N, C-alpha and C. Protein backbone atom coordinates (compact mmCIF):
# COMPACT_ATOMS: atom_id res chain seq x y z
N UNK A 1 163.38 109.17 139.33
CA UNK A 1 164.71 109.18 138.75
C UNK A 1 164.89 110.38 137.85
N UNK A 2 163.82 110.71 137.04
CA UNK A 2 163.89 111.86 136.13
C UNK A 2 163.96 113.14 136.90
N UNK A 3 163.25 113.21 138.08
CA UNK A 3 163.27 114.44 138.88
C UNK A 3 164.64 114.68 139.49
N UNK A 4 165.39 113.63 139.90
CA UNK A 4 166.73 113.77 140.48
C UNK A 4 167.77 114.08 139.43
N UNK A 5 167.59 113.61 138.22
CA UNK A 5 168.58 113.81 137.15
C UNK A 5 168.74 115.26 136.79
N UNK A 6 167.65 116.01 136.70
CA UNK A 6 167.73 117.39 136.25
C UNK A 6 168.50 118.27 137.22
N UNK A 7 168.22 118.29 138.56
CA UNK A 7 169.00 119.15 139.46
C UNK A 7 170.47 118.77 139.50
N UNK A 8 170.79 117.47 139.51
CA UNK A 8 172.19 117.04 139.56
C UNK A 8 172.93 117.49 138.34
N UNK A 9 172.26 117.39 137.19
CA UNK A 9 172.89 117.78 135.94
C UNK A 9 173.12 119.28 135.88
N UNK A 10 172.18 120.06 136.37
CA UNK A 10 172.30 121.53 136.31
C UNK A 10 173.40 122.02 137.23
N UNK A 11 173.51 121.46 138.42
CA UNK A 11 174.53 121.91 139.38
C UNK A 11 175.92 121.46 139.00
N UNK A 12 176.04 120.37 138.26
CA UNK A 12 177.38 119.88 137.88
C UNK A 12 178.03 120.68 136.78
N UNK A 13 177.21 121.43 136.02
CA UNK A 13 177.76 122.20 134.88
C UNK A 13 178.72 123.29 135.36
N UNK A 14 178.39 124.16 136.33
CA UNK A 14 179.37 125.20 136.76
C UNK A 14 180.63 124.61 137.35
N UNK A 15 180.49 123.53 138.10
CA UNK A 15 181.67 122.91 138.71
C UNK A 15 182.61 122.40 137.64
N UNK A 16 182.01 121.82 136.58
CA UNK A 16 182.83 121.29 135.50
C UNK A 16 183.58 122.41 134.80
N UNK A 17 182.88 123.51 134.53
CA UNK A 17 183.56 124.64 133.86
C UNK A 17 184.67 125.24 134.73
N UNK A 18 184.42 125.30 136.02
CA UNK A 18 185.43 125.88 136.94
C UNK A 18 186.68 125.03 137.01
N UNK A 19 186.47 123.72 137.08
CA UNK A 19 187.63 122.83 137.13
C UNK A 19 188.42 122.89 135.84
N UNK A 20 187.72 122.96 134.73
CA UNK A 20 188.41 123.05 133.44
C UNK A 20 189.18 124.35 133.33
N UNK A 21 188.63 125.42 133.88
CA UNK A 21 189.32 126.72 133.82
C UNK A 21 190.61 126.69 134.64
N UNK A 22 190.53 126.07 135.80
CA UNK A 22 191.70 126.00 136.66
C UNK A 22 192.80 125.17 136.04
N UNK A 23 192.41 124.10 135.44
CA UNK A 23 193.39 123.24 134.76
C UNK A 23 194.04 123.98 133.62
N UNK A 24 193.20 124.75 132.90
CA UNK A 24 193.73 125.46 131.73
C UNK A 24 194.73 126.54 132.13
N UNK A 25 194.56 127.10 133.30
CA UNK A 25 195.48 128.16 133.73
C UNK A 25 196.86 127.60 134.06
N UNK A 26 196.94 126.39 134.55
CA UNK A 26 198.20 125.79 134.93
C UNK A 26 198.86 125.03 133.79
N UNK A 27 198.20 124.79 132.66
CA UNK A 27 198.72 124.04 131.53
C UNK A 27 199.38 124.97 130.53
N UNK A 28 200.25 124.46 129.77
CA UNK A 28 200.87 125.27 128.71
C UNK A 28 199.89 125.54 127.59
N UNK A 29 200.27 126.41 126.69
CA UNK A 29 199.38 126.94 125.63
C UNK A 29 198.91 125.87 124.69
N UNK A 30 199.71 124.95 124.22
CA UNK A 30 199.19 123.94 123.29
C UNK A 30 198.12 123.07 123.92
N UNK A 31 198.31 122.84 125.20
CA UNK A 31 197.30 122.00 125.84
C UNK A 31 195.99 122.76 126.04
N UNK A 32 196.07 124.10 126.16
CA UNK A 32 194.84 124.91 126.30
C UNK A 32 193.94 124.76 125.07
N UNK A 33 194.54 124.69 123.93
CA UNK A 33 193.76 124.56 122.70
C UNK A 33 192.99 123.24 122.70
N UNK A 34 193.63 122.22 123.18
CA UNK A 34 192.97 120.92 123.25
C UNK A 34 191.84 120.96 124.26
N UNK A 35 192.10 121.71 125.36
CA UNK A 35 191.08 121.81 126.38
C UNK A 35 189.84 122.56 125.89
N UNK A 36 190.09 123.58 125.09
CA UNK A 36 188.95 124.34 124.51
C UNK A 36 188.11 123.46 123.60
N UNK A 37 188.80 122.59 122.85
CA UNK A 37 188.07 121.69 121.94
C UNK A 37 187.21 120.72 122.75
N UNK A 38 187.80 120.25 123.86
CA UNK A 38 187.03 119.33 124.70
C UNK A 38 185.81 120.02 125.31
N UNK A 39 186.02 121.33 125.68
CA UNK A 39 184.90 122.08 126.26
C UNK A 39 183.78 122.25 125.24
N UNK A 40 184.16 122.54 124.01
CA UNK A 40 183.14 122.70 122.95
C UNK A 40 182.35 121.41 122.73
N UNK A 41 183.07 120.31 122.74
CA UNK A 41 182.37 119.03 122.57
C UNK A 41 181.44 118.75 123.75
N UNK A 42 181.94 119.16 124.97
CA UNK A 42 181.07 118.99 126.13
C UNK A 42 179.82 119.85 126.03
N UNK A 43 180.02 121.07 125.55
CA UNK A 43 178.86 121.95 125.37
C UNK A 43 177.84 121.34 124.41
N UNK A 44 178.39 120.77 123.34
CA UNK A 44 177.48 120.14 122.35
C UNK A 44 176.72 118.99 122.98
N UNK A 45 177.42 118.17 123.76
CA UNK A 45 176.77 117.05 124.41
C UNK A 45 175.74 117.53 125.43
N UNK A 46 176.11 118.66 126.12
CA UNK A 46 175.18 119.19 127.11
C UNK A 46 173.88 119.66 126.44
N UNK A 47 174.04 120.35 125.29
CA UNK A 47 172.85 120.81 124.57
C UNK A 47 171.98 119.63 124.12
N UNK A 48 172.66 118.58 123.64
CA UNK A 48 171.89 117.40 123.20
C UNK A 48 171.18 116.74 124.36
N UNK A 49 171.90 116.71 125.54
CA UNK A 49 171.26 116.13 126.71
C UNK A 49 170.07 116.96 127.16
N UNK A 50 170.17 118.29 127.10
CA UNK A 50 169.06 119.16 127.48
C UNK A 50 167.86 118.97 126.55
N UNK A 51 168.17 118.85 125.25
CA UNK A 51 167.08 118.63 124.30
C UNK A 51 166.38 117.30 124.55
N UNK A 52 167.22 116.25 124.81
CA UNK A 52 166.62 114.94 125.09
C UNK A 52 165.77 114.97 126.34
N UNK A 53 166.27 115.74 127.35
CA UNK A 53 165.53 115.85 128.60
C UNK A 53 164.20 116.59 128.39
N UNK A 54 164.23 117.65 127.59
CA UNK A 54 163.00 118.39 127.32
C UNK A 54 162.00 117.55 126.55
N UNK A 55 162.53 116.75 125.60
CA UNK A 55 161.63 115.87 124.84
C UNK A 55 160.97 114.84 125.75
N UNK A 56 161.76 114.29 126.68
CA UNK A 56 161.20 113.34 127.63
C UNK A 56 160.12 113.98 128.50
N UNK A 57 160.36 115.22 128.93
CA UNK A 57 159.38 115.91 129.76
C UNK A 57 158.08 116.20 128.99
N UNK A 58 158.24 116.62 127.72
CA UNK A 58 157.04 116.90 126.90
C UNK A 58 156.22 115.64 126.67
N UNK A 59 156.94 114.53 126.36
CA UNK A 59 156.21 113.28 126.10
C UNK A 59 155.51 112.78 127.36
N UNK A 60 156.15 112.95 128.53
CA UNK A 60 155.52 112.51 129.77
C UNK A 60 154.29 113.36 130.07
N UNK A 61 154.32 114.66 129.79
CA UNK A 61 153.15 115.52 130.00
C UNK A 61 152.00 115.10 129.10
N UNK A 62 152.32 114.78 127.85
CA UNK A 62 151.27 114.36 126.92
C UNK A 62 150.62 113.06 127.37
N UNK A 63 151.45 112.14 127.86
CA UNK A 63 150.89 110.88 128.34
C UNK A 63 149.98 111.09 129.53
N UNK A 64 150.36 112.00 130.42
CA UNK A 64 149.54 112.28 131.60
C UNK A 64 148.20 112.89 131.19
N UNK A 65 148.24 113.82 130.24
CA UNK A 65 147.01 114.47 129.77
C UNK A 65 146.09 113.47 129.08
N UNK A 66 146.67 112.61 128.22
CA UNK A 66 145.86 111.63 127.51
C UNK A 66 145.22 110.62 128.46
N UNK A 67 145.98 110.21 129.49
CA UNK A 67 145.43 109.26 130.44
C UNK A 67 144.33 109.87 131.30
N UNK A 68 144.41 111.20 131.53
CA UNK A 68 143.41 111.85 132.38
C UNK A 68 142.10 112.09 131.67
N UNK A 69 142.09 112.14 130.34
CA UNK A 69 140.86 112.37 129.57
C UNK A 69 140.09 111.06 129.44
N UNK A 70 138.83 111.00 129.87
CA UNK A 70 138.06 109.75 129.76
C UNK A 70 137.71 109.45 128.32
N UNK A 71 137.79 108.19 127.97
CA UNK A 71 137.48 107.75 126.61
C UNK A 71 135.99 107.46 126.51
N UNK A 72 135.35 108.06 125.54
CA UNK A 72 133.91 107.92 125.34
C UNK A 72 133.68 107.22 124.02
N UNK A 73 132.91 106.15 124.09
CA UNK A 73 132.57 105.41 122.87
C UNK A 73 131.36 106.06 122.22
N UNK A 74 131.52 106.47 120.97
CA UNK A 74 130.48 107.18 120.25
C UNK A 74 129.82 106.23 119.27
N UNK A 75 128.53 106.19 119.33
CA UNK A 75 127.76 105.36 118.41
C UNK A 75 127.48 106.15 117.14
N UNK A 76 127.98 105.63 116.00
CA UNK A 76 127.81 106.35 114.73
C UNK A 76 126.36 106.45 114.33
N UNK A 77 125.57 105.42 114.66
CA UNK A 77 124.15 105.43 114.26
C UNK A 77 123.40 106.55 114.97
N UNK A 78 123.77 106.80 116.27
CA UNK A 78 123.11 107.88 117.01
C UNK A 78 123.45 109.23 116.41
N UNK A 79 124.73 109.41 116.00
CA UNK A 79 125.14 110.69 115.40
C UNK A 79 124.40 110.91 114.08
N UNK A 80 124.26 109.86 113.29
CA UNK A 80 123.55 110.01 112.01
C UNK A 80 122.09 110.38 112.23
N UNK A 81 121.46 109.75 113.24
CA UNK A 81 120.06 110.06 113.50
C UNK A 81 119.87 111.50 113.94
N UNK A 82 120.88 112.03 114.69
CA UNK A 82 120.75 113.40 115.17
C UNK A 82 121.05 114.42 114.08
N UNK A 83 122.03 114.10 113.21
CA UNK A 83 122.44 115.07 112.20
C UNK A 83 121.53 115.07 110.98
N UNK A 84 121.06 113.88 110.58
CA UNK A 84 120.23 113.81 109.38
C UNK A 84 118.83 114.33 109.67
N UNK A 85 118.29 115.20 108.80
CA UNK A 85 116.92 115.72 109.01
C UNK A 85 115.91 114.62 108.80
N UNK A 86 114.81 114.63 109.55
CA UNK A 86 113.78 113.59 109.38
C UNK A 86 113.10 113.70 108.04
N UNK A 87 112.84 112.53 107.47
CA UNK A 87 112.17 112.46 106.16
C UNK A 87 110.67 112.54 106.38
N UNK A 88 110.04 113.53 105.78
CA UNK A 88 108.60 113.74 105.93
C UNK A 88 107.90 113.28 104.66
N UNK A 89 107.04 112.29 104.79
CA UNK A 89 106.30 111.78 103.64
C UNK A 89 104.96 112.50 103.53
N UNK A 90 104.71 113.04 102.36
CA UNK A 90 103.45 113.72 102.12
C UNK A 90 102.39 112.71 101.70
N UNK A 91 101.35 112.63 102.45
CA UNK A 91 100.25 111.68 102.18
C UNK A 91 99.01 112.48 101.81
N UNK A 92 98.52 112.21 100.62
CA UNK A 92 97.31 112.88 100.17
C UNK A 92 96.10 112.09 100.65
N UNK A 93 95.29 112.67 101.53
CA UNK A 93 94.14 111.91 102.05
C UNK A 93 93.12 111.65 100.95
N UNK A 94 92.70 110.40 100.88
CA UNK A 94 91.68 110.04 99.89
C UNK A 94 90.30 110.35 100.45
N UNK A 95 89.40 110.80 99.61
CA UNK A 95 88.06 111.12 100.10
C UNK A 95 87.36 109.88 100.64
N UNK A 96 86.87 109.96 101.84
CA UNK A 96 86.21 108.82 102.47
C UNK A 96 84.73 108.81 102.11
N UNK A 97 84.26 107.64 101.82
CA UNK A 97 82.84 107.47 101.49
C UNK A 97 82.18 106.65 102.58
N UNK A 98 80.95 106.95 102.85
CA UNK A 98 80.22 106.17 103.83
C UNK A 98 79.89 104.82 103.23
N UNK A 99 79.72 103.78 104.06
CA UNK A 99 79.42 102.45 103.53
C UNK A 99 78.18 102.41 102.66
N UNK A 100 77.20 103.26 102.92
CA UNK A 100 75.97 103.25 102.14
C UNK A 100 76.21 103.73 100.72
N UNK A 101 77.25 104.52 100.48
CA UNK A 101 77.50 105.06 99.15
C UNK A 101 78.54 104.26 98.38
N UNK A 102 79.47 103.63 99.06
CA UNK A 102 80.57 102.97 98.36
C UNK A 102 80.43 101.46 98.29
N UNK A 103 79.57 100.85 99.10
CA UNK A 103 79.47 99.40 99.15
C UNK A 103 78.04 98.95 98.84
N UNK A 104 77.95 97.69 98.43
CA UNK A 104 76.64 97.06 98.28
C UNK A 104 76.15 96.62 99.66
N UNK A 105 74.93 96.98 100.00
CA UNK A 105 74.36 96.64 101.31
C UNK A 105 73.42 95.45 101.17
N UNK A 106 73.43 94.59 102.21
CA UNK A 106 72.58 93.41 102.23
C UNK A 106 71.78 93.36 103.53
N UNK A 107 70.53 92.95 103.41
CA UNK A 107 69.70 92.61 104.56
C UNK A 107 69.32 91.15 104.40
N UNK A 108 69.27 90.40 105.53
CA UNK A 108 69.10 88.96 105.48
C UNK A 108 67.84 88.50 106.22
N UNK A 109 67.33 87.36 105.75
CA UNK A 109 66.29 86.67 106.50
C UNK A 109 66.93 86.05 107.75
N UNK A 110 66.08 85.63 108.65
CA UNK A 110 66.59 84.98 109.87
C UNK A 110 67.26 83.65 109.57
N UNK A 111 66.96 83.04 108.40
CA UNK A 111 67.61 81.78 108.03
C UNK A 111 68.91 81.99 107.27
N UNK A 112 69.35 83.27 107.11
CA UNK A 112 70.62 83.56 106.45
C UNK A 112 70.51 83.87 104.98
N UNK A 113 69.34 83.70 104.37
CA UNK A 113 69.16 84.04 102.96
C UNK A 113 69.08 85.56 102.79
N UNK A 114 69.44 86.04 101.58
CA UNK A 114 69.39 87.48 101.30
C UNK A 114 67.95 87.93 101.15
N UNK A 115 67.59 88.95 101.89
CA UNK A 115 66.25 89.52 101.80
C UNK A 115 66.23 90.72 100.85
N UNK A 116 67.19 91.65 101.03
CA UNK A 116 67.26 92.87 100.20
C UNK A 116 68.72 93.14 99.86
N UNK A 117 68.96 93.53 98.62
CA UNK A 117 70.29 93.98 98.18
C UNK A 117 70.16 95.41 97.67
N UNK A 118 71.00 96.31 98.19
CA UNK A 118 70.98 97.72 97.78
C UNK A 118 72.32 98.04 97.12
N UNK A 119 72.27 98.45 95.86
CA UNK A 119 73.50 98.71 95.11
C UNK A 119 74.11 100.06 95.50
N UNK A 120 75.41 100.28 95.21
CA UNK A 120 76.03 101.59 95.48
C UNK A 120 75.46 102.66 94.55
N UNK A 121 75.66 103.92 94.93
CA UNK A 121 75.25 105.03 94.09
C UNK A 121 76.15 105.12 92.86
N UNK A 122 75.53 105.22 91.69
CA UNK A 122 76.26 105.40 90.45
C UNK A 122 75.50 106.40 89.58
N UNK A 123 76.18 107.53 89.32
CA UNK A 123 75.59 108.60 88.50
C UNK A 123 74.24 109.03 89.06
N UNK A 124 74.16 109.12 90.36
CA UNK A 124 72.97 109.64 91.01
C UNK A 124 71.82 108.66 91.14
N UNK A 125 72.11 107.35 90.94
CA UNK A 125 71.04 106.37 91.03
C UNK A 125 71.52 105.12 91.79
N UNK A 126 70.58 104.46 92.45
CA UNK A 126 70.84 103.15 93.05
C UNK A 126 69.53 102.37 93.11
N UNK A 127 69.64 101.04 93.23
CA UNK A 127 68.45 100.20 93.23
C UNK A 127 68.44 99.29 94.45
N UNK A 128 67.22 98.98 94.90
CA UNK A 128 66.99 98.01 95.97
C UNK A 128 66.25 96.82 95.39
N UNK A 129 66.83 95.62 95.51
CA UNK A 129 66.24 94.40 94.99
C UNK A 129 65.71 93.56 96.16
N UNK A 130 64.47 93.07 96.02
CA UNK A 130 63.81 92.28 97.05
C UNK A 130 63.76 90.82 96.60
N UNK A 131 64.00 89.87 97.53
CA UNK A 131 64.03 88.44 97.19
C UNK A 131 63.14 87.66 98.16
N UNK A 132 62.58 86.56 97.64
CA UNK A 132 61.79 85.69 98.51
C UNK A 132 62.73 84.70 99.21
N UNK A 133 62.17 83.74 99.93
CA UNK A 133 62.97 82.79 100.69
C UNK A 133 63.78 81.84 99.82
N UNK A 134 63.46 81.77 98.52
CA UNK A 134 64.18 80.86 97.61
C UNK A 134 65.18 81.61 96.73
N UNK A 135 65.29 82.94 96.94
CA UNK A 135 66.26 83.72 96.17
C UNK A 135 65.71 84.32 94.89
N UNK A 136 64.39 84.16 94.63
CA UNK A 136 63.79 84.74 93.43
C UNK A 136 63.45 86.21 93.70
N UNK A 137 63.69 87.06 92.69
CA UNK A 137 63.41 88.49 92.84
C UNK A 137 61.90 88.73 92.81
N UNK A 138 61.43 89.53 93.76
CA UNK A 138 59.99 89.81 93.86
C UNK A 138 59.65 91.26 93.54
N UNK A 139 60.62 92.19 93.74
CA UNK A 139 60.30 93.61 93.56
C UNK A 139 61.62 94.39 93.54
N UNK A 140 61.53 95.64 93.01
CA UNK A 140 62.68 96.53 93.06
C UNK A 140 62.24 97.98 93.09
N UNK A 141 63.06 98.80 93.74
CA UNK A 141 62.79 100.24 93.87
C UNK A 141 64.07 100.98 93.51
N UNK A 142 63.93 102.10 92.79
CA UNK A 142 65.09 102.90 92.40
C UNK A 142 65.07 104.24 93.15
N UNK A 143 66.18 104.57 93.79
CA UNK A 143 66.38 105.88 94.40
C UNK A 143 67.15 106.77 93.44
N UNK A 144 66.86 108.09 93.49
CA UNK A 144 67.44 109.03 92.53
C UNK A 144 67.94 110.27 93.26
N UNK A 145 69.09 110.79 92.80
CA UNK A 145 69.62 112.07 93.27
C UNK A 145 70.04 112.90 92.06
N UNK A 146 69.08 113.47 91.39
CA UNK A 146 69.37 114.30 90.21
C UNK A 146 68.67 115.65 90.41
N UNK A 147 68.14 116.21 89.31
CA UNK A 147 67.36 117.43 89.47
C UNK A 147 66.07 117.16 90.25
N UNK A 148 65.68 115.91 90.32
CA UNK A 148 64.58 115.47 91.18
C UNK A 148 65.14 114.36 92.07
N UNK A 149 64.44 114.01 93.11
CA UNK A 149 64.95 113.02 94.06
C UNK A 149 63.86 112.03 94.44
N UNK A 150 64.29 110.78 94.66
CA UNK A 150 63.43 109.73 95.17
C UNK A 150 64.22 109.00 96.26
N UNK A 151 63.71 109.01 97.47
CA UNK A 151 64.40 108.35 98.59
C UNK A 151 63.46 107.34 99.24
N UNK A 152 64.05 106.22 99.71
CA UNK A 152 63.27 105.12 100.26
C UNK A 152 63.78 104.78 101.66
N UNK A 153 62.85 104.54 102.56
CA UNK A 153 63.18 104.07 103.90
C UNK A 153 62.45 102.76 104.13
N UNK A 154 63.22 101.72 104.56
CA UNK A 154 62.65 100.38 104.72
C UNK A 154 62.44 100.04 106.19
N UNK A 155 61.37 99.27 106.43
CA UNK A 155 61.11 98.69 107.74
C UNK A 155 60.92 97.20 107.55
N UNK A 156 61.22 96.38 108.58
CA UNK A 156 61.34 94.94 108.39
C UNK A 156 60.45 94.15 109.35
N UNK A 157 60.06 92.96 108.87
CA UNK A 157 59.39 91.97 109.70
C UNK A 157 60.42 91.32 110.64
N UNK A 158 59.97 90.64 111.69
CA UNK A 158 60.91 89.95 112.58
C UNK A 158 61.75 88.89 111.87
N UNK A 159 61.23 88.31 110.76
CA UNK A 159 62.01 87.27 110.08
C UNK A 159 63.01 87.84 109.07
N UNK A 160 63.09 89.18 108.96
CA UNK A 160 64.05 89.81 108.05
C UNK A 160 63.46 90.27 106.74
N UNK A 161 62.23 89.91 106.43
CA UNK A 161 61.58 90.41 105.22
C UNK A 161 61.16 91.87 105.44
N UNK A 162 60.95 92.58 104.31
CA UNK A 162 60.54 93.98 104.39
C UNK A 162 59.05 94.03 104.74
N UNK A 163 58.72 94.83 105.73
CA UNK A 163 57.31 94.99 106.08
C UNK A 163 56.70 96.22 105.42
N UNK A 164 57.55 97.26 105.24
CA UNK A 164 57.01 98.52 104.68
C UNK A 164 58.15 99.29 104.02
N UNK A 165 57.83 99.94 102.87
CA UNK A 165 58.76 100.84 102.20
C UNK A 165 58.08 102.19 102.07
N UNK A 166 58.69 103.20 102.68
CA UNK A 166 58.17 104.57 102.61
C UNK A 166 59.01 105.35 101.60
N UNK A 167 58.33 105.82 100.54
CA UNK A 167 59.02 106.45 99.41
C UNK A 167 58.62 107.91 99.35
N UNK A 168 59.65 108.78 99.27
CA UNK A 168 59.43 110.22 99.18
C UNK A 168 59.95 110.69 97.83
N UNK A 169 59.07 111.29 97.01
CA UNK A 169 59.44 111.77 95.66
C UNK A 169 59.29 113.28 95.60
N UNK A 170 60.37 113.95 95.16
CA UNK A 170 60.37 115.40 95.02
C UNK A 170 60.70 115.75 93.58
N UNK A 171 59.73 116.28 92.80
CA UNK A 171 59.99 116.59 91.39
C UNK A 171 61.02 117.69 91.18
N UNK A 172 61.33 118.46 92.18
CA UNK A 172 62.34 119.51 92.05
C UNK A 172 61.72 120.86 91.82
N UNK A 173 61.37 121.18 90.59
CA UNK A 173 60.80 122.48 90.26
C UNK A 173 59.28 122.45 90.41
N UNK A 174 58.81 121.99 91.54
CA UNK A 174 57.37 121.90 91.78
C UNK A 174 57.10 122.23 93.23
N UNK A 175 55.93 122.76 93.48
CA UNK A 175 55.56 123.08 94.86
C UNK A 175 54.95 121.88 95.57
N UNK A 176 54.85 120.76 94.87
CA UNK A 176 54.28 119.55 95.44
C UNK A 176 55.35 118.46 95.53
N UNK A 177 55.17 117.56 96.46
CA UNK A 177 55.95 116.33 96.51
C UNK A 177 54.99 115.18 96.79
N UNK A 178 55.48 113.97 96.64
CA UNK A 178 54.60 112.81 96.70
C UNK A 178 55.18 111.79 97.69
N UNK A 179 54.29 111.19 98.46
CA UNK A 179 54.67 110.19 99.44
C UNK A 179 53.89 108.92 99.17
N UNK A 180 54.62 107.80 99.14
CA UNK A 180 54.00 106.50 98.89
C UNK A 180 54.43 105.52 99.97
N UNK A 181 53.54 104.63 100.31
CA UNK A 181 53.82 103.57 101.28
C UNK A 181 53.43 102.23 100.67
N UNK A 182 54.38 101.29 100.65
CA UNK A 182 54.14 99.96 100.09
C UNK A 182 54.28 98.94 101.22
N UNK A 183 53.31 98.07 101.37
CA UNK A 183 53.38 97.01 102.37
C UNK A 183 53.77 95.70 101.69
N UNK A 184 54.45 94.82 102.46
CA UNK A 184 54.96 93.56 101.91
C UNK A 184 54.57 92.40 102.83
N UNK A 185 54.56 91.21 102.23
CA UNK A 185 54.31 89.99 103.01
C UNK A 185 55.63 89.56 103.67
N UNK A 186 55.58 88.47 104.40
CA UNK A 186 56.78 87.96 105.07
C UNK A 186 57.74 87.25 104.12
N UNK A 187 57.40 87.26 102.83
CA UNK A 187 58.32 86.71 101.81
C UNK A 187 58.67 87.77 100.76
N UNK A 188 58.52 89.05 101.13
CA UNK A 188 58.88 90.19 100.28
C UNK A 188 57.99 90.32 99.04
N UNK A 189 56.79 89.82 99.10
CA UNK A 189 55.84 90.04 98.00
C UNK A 189 55.08 91.33 98.27
N UNK A 190 55.04 92.29 97.31
CA UNK A 190 54.28 93.53 97.51
C UNK A 190 52.80 93.23 97.68
N UNK A 191 52.14 93.99 98.55
CA UNK A 191 50.72 93.78 98.79
C UNK A 191 49.91 95.01 98.37
N UNK A 192 50.07 96.12 99.10
CA UNK A 192 49.28 97.33 98.86
C UNK A 192 50.19 98.54 98.73
N UNK A 193 49.69 99.53 97.98
CA UNK A 193 50.42 100.78 97.81
C UNK A 193 49.49 101.95 98.04
N UNK A 194 49.88 102.83 98.96
CA UNK A 194 49.11 104.05 99.24
C UNK A 194 49.94 105.24 98.77
N UNK A 195 49.32 106.14 98.03
CA UNK A 195 50.02 107.33 97.52
C UNK A 195 49.20 108.57 97.81
N UNK A 196 49.91 109.68 98.02
CA UNK A 196 49.23 110.96 98.24
C UNK A 196 50.16 112.09 97.84
N UNK A 197 49.50 113.18 97.41
CA UNK A 197 50.24 114.39 97.03
C UNK A 197 50.30 115.32 98.23
N UNK A 198 51.48 115.95 98.41
CA UNK A 198 51.68 116.87 99.53
C UNK A 198 52.15 118.23 99.00
N UNK A 199 51.66 119.31 99.57
CA UNK A 199 50.60 119.37 100.58
C UNK A 199 49.23 119.07 99.96
N UNK A 200 48.38 118.51 100.75
CA UNK A 200 47.05 118.16 100.27
C UNK A 200 46.15 119.39 100.26
N UNK A 201 45.65 119.75 99.09
CA UNK A 201 44.78 120.91 98.98
C UNK A 201 43.32 120.50 98.90
N UNK A 202 43.09 119.26 98.57
CA UNK A 202 41.71 118.77 98.51
C UNK A 202 41.72 117.28 98.84
N UNK A 203 40.63 116.78 99.22
CA UNK A 203 40.51 115.36 99.56
C UNK A 203 40.10 114.60 98.32
N UNK A 204 40.96 113.73 97.88
CA UNK A 204 40.68 112.91 96.70
C UNK A 204 40.45 111.48 97.18
N UNK A 205 39.21 111.06 97.12
CA UNK A 205 38.88 109.74 97.62
C UNK A 205 39.52 108.63 96.78
N UNK A 206 39.58 108.86 95.48
CA UNK A 206 40.21 107.84 94.63
C UNK A 206 41.70 107.72 94.93
N UNK A 207 42.31 108.86 95.25
CA UNK A 207 43.74 108.84 95.53
C UNK A 207 44.03 108.11 96.84
N UNK A 208 43.12 108.17 97.78
CA UNK A 208 43.33 107.52 99.06
C UNK A 208 43.08 106.02 99.01
N UNK A 209 42.51 105.55 97.94
CA UNK A 209 42.28 104.11 97.83
C UNK A 209 43.59 103.39 97.52
N UNK A 210 43.84 102.23 98.12
CA UNK A 210 45.09 101.52 97.85
C UNK A 210 45.09 100.86 96.48
N UNK A 211 46.31 100.62 95.98
CA UNK A 211 46.49 99.87 94.74
C UNK A 211 47.06 98.51 95.10
N UNK A 212 46.68 97.52 94.31
CA UNK A 212 47.07 96.15 94.57
C UNK A 212 48.14 95.71 93.57
N UNK A 213 49.06 94.88 94.04
CA UNK A 213 50.14 94.40 93.19
C UNK A 213 49.69 93.14 92.46
N UNK A 214 49.76 93.23 91.10
CA UNK A 214 49.42 92.08 90.26
C UNK A 214 50.71 91.28 90.05
N UNK A 215 50.81 90.12 90.69
CA UNK A 215 52.03 89.33 90.66
C UNK A 215 52.31 88.78 89.27
N UNK A 216 51.26 88.45 88.53
CA UNK A 216 51.46 87.91 87.18
C UNK A 216 51.95 89.00 86.23
N UNK A 217 51.30 90.15 86.25
CA UNK A 217 51.68 91.25 85.36
C UNK A 217 52.81 92.12 85.92
N UNK A 218 53.09 91.96 87.25
CA UNK A 218 54.11 92.74 87.94
C UNK A 218 53.86 94.25 87.76
N UNK A 219 52.65 94.65 88.13
CA UNK A 219 52.30 96.07 88.09
C UNK A 219 51.21 96.36 89.10
N UNK A 220 51.07 97.67 89.42
CA UNK A 220 50.04 98.07 90.38
C UNK A 220 48.72 98.29 89.67
N UNK A 221 47.67 97.86 90.30
CA UNK A 221 46.34 97.98 89.71
C UNK A 221 45.36 98.40 90.79
N UNK A 222 44.39 99.20 90.39
CA UNK A 222 43.33 99.59 91.32
C UNK A 222 42.25 98.50 91.32
N UNK A 223 41.66 98.39 92.46
CA UNK A 223 40.61 97.38 92.58
C UNK A 223 39.37 97.84 91.81
N UNK A 224 38.91 96.99 90.93
CA UNK A 224 37.76 97.33 90.12
C UNK A 224 36.48 96.86 90.81
N UNK A 225 35.52 97.74 90.78
CA UNK A 225 34.23 97.41 91.38
C UNK A 225 33.31 96.92 90.26
N UNK A 226 32.87 95.72 90.38
CA UNK A 226 31.99 95.12 89.37
C UNK A 226 30.55 95.27 89.83
N UNK A 227 29.80 95.97 89.05
CA UNK A 227 28.38 96.17 89.39
C UNK A 227 27.55 95.02 88.81
N UNK A 228 26.77 94.46 89.69
CA UNK A 228 25.95 93.34 89.27
C UNK A 228 24.67 93.87 88.61
N UNK A 229 24.30 93.18 87.55
CA UNK A 229 23.05 93.55 86.88
C UNK A 229 21.83 93.04 87.68
N UNK A 230 20.82 93.85 87.76
CA UNK A 230 19.62 93.37 88.50
C UNK A 230 18.98 92.17 87.82
N UNK A 231 18.55 91.27 88.64
CA UNK A 231 17.91 90.06 88.12
C UNK A 231 16.47 90.42 87.66
N UNK A 232 16.19 90.14 86.41
CA UNK A 232 14.82 90.49 85.92
C UNK A 232 13.74 89.70 86.66
N UNK A 233 12.70 90.39 86.91
CA UNK A 233 11.59 89.73 87.61
C UNK A 233 10.80 88.88 86.63
N UNK A 234 10.38 87.79 87.15
CA UNK A 234 9.57 86.88 86.30
C UNK A 234 8.11 87.20 86.44
């Protein structure tokens, strides 16, 4: 309907003006003035009609363009994630300690009782405590990491008690070091202790003799040889 209106309207304008001109030529002068006024009003109406028609055409074009554009739903959360820079947290790594240095270590008997407890290192020292089957302390050894060092390596019986403790002592500012070996019973009672100086420059028979653990005095003692007096002859 809109397409037919425009051509009909455009072609009718010259015919209208021609007919009005012909009428004006045959009419007297006073009537011509009235005819001119009518023509002016028609011109005004024609301009208004053209403007209305142009507005209708513009609005129809806009509607066609808007309908042709696909509508896309935008997720605000996705836009925020893309536009906002990622937050980077600075994590200061804490120094990791091995379990032997930071925790108390336990060794157990086969019945679940504590056989040995080794404390953490504190100010360059730690201790190893030995217990019997009833939980009573039987012995202890101290390891050291200072200007001198003392390190201990333990070996165990099948029941979980300590069978042997190998101790390495380094005085630091000395050309010698010392190695000791302590043997234990199946209830963590110390038995014998062998000590020697390294490197060995001479054979010391007394040094190679073992020392015995005095359970009452809780100290190492050398075995004393008691010489019997000869029986006087009668």
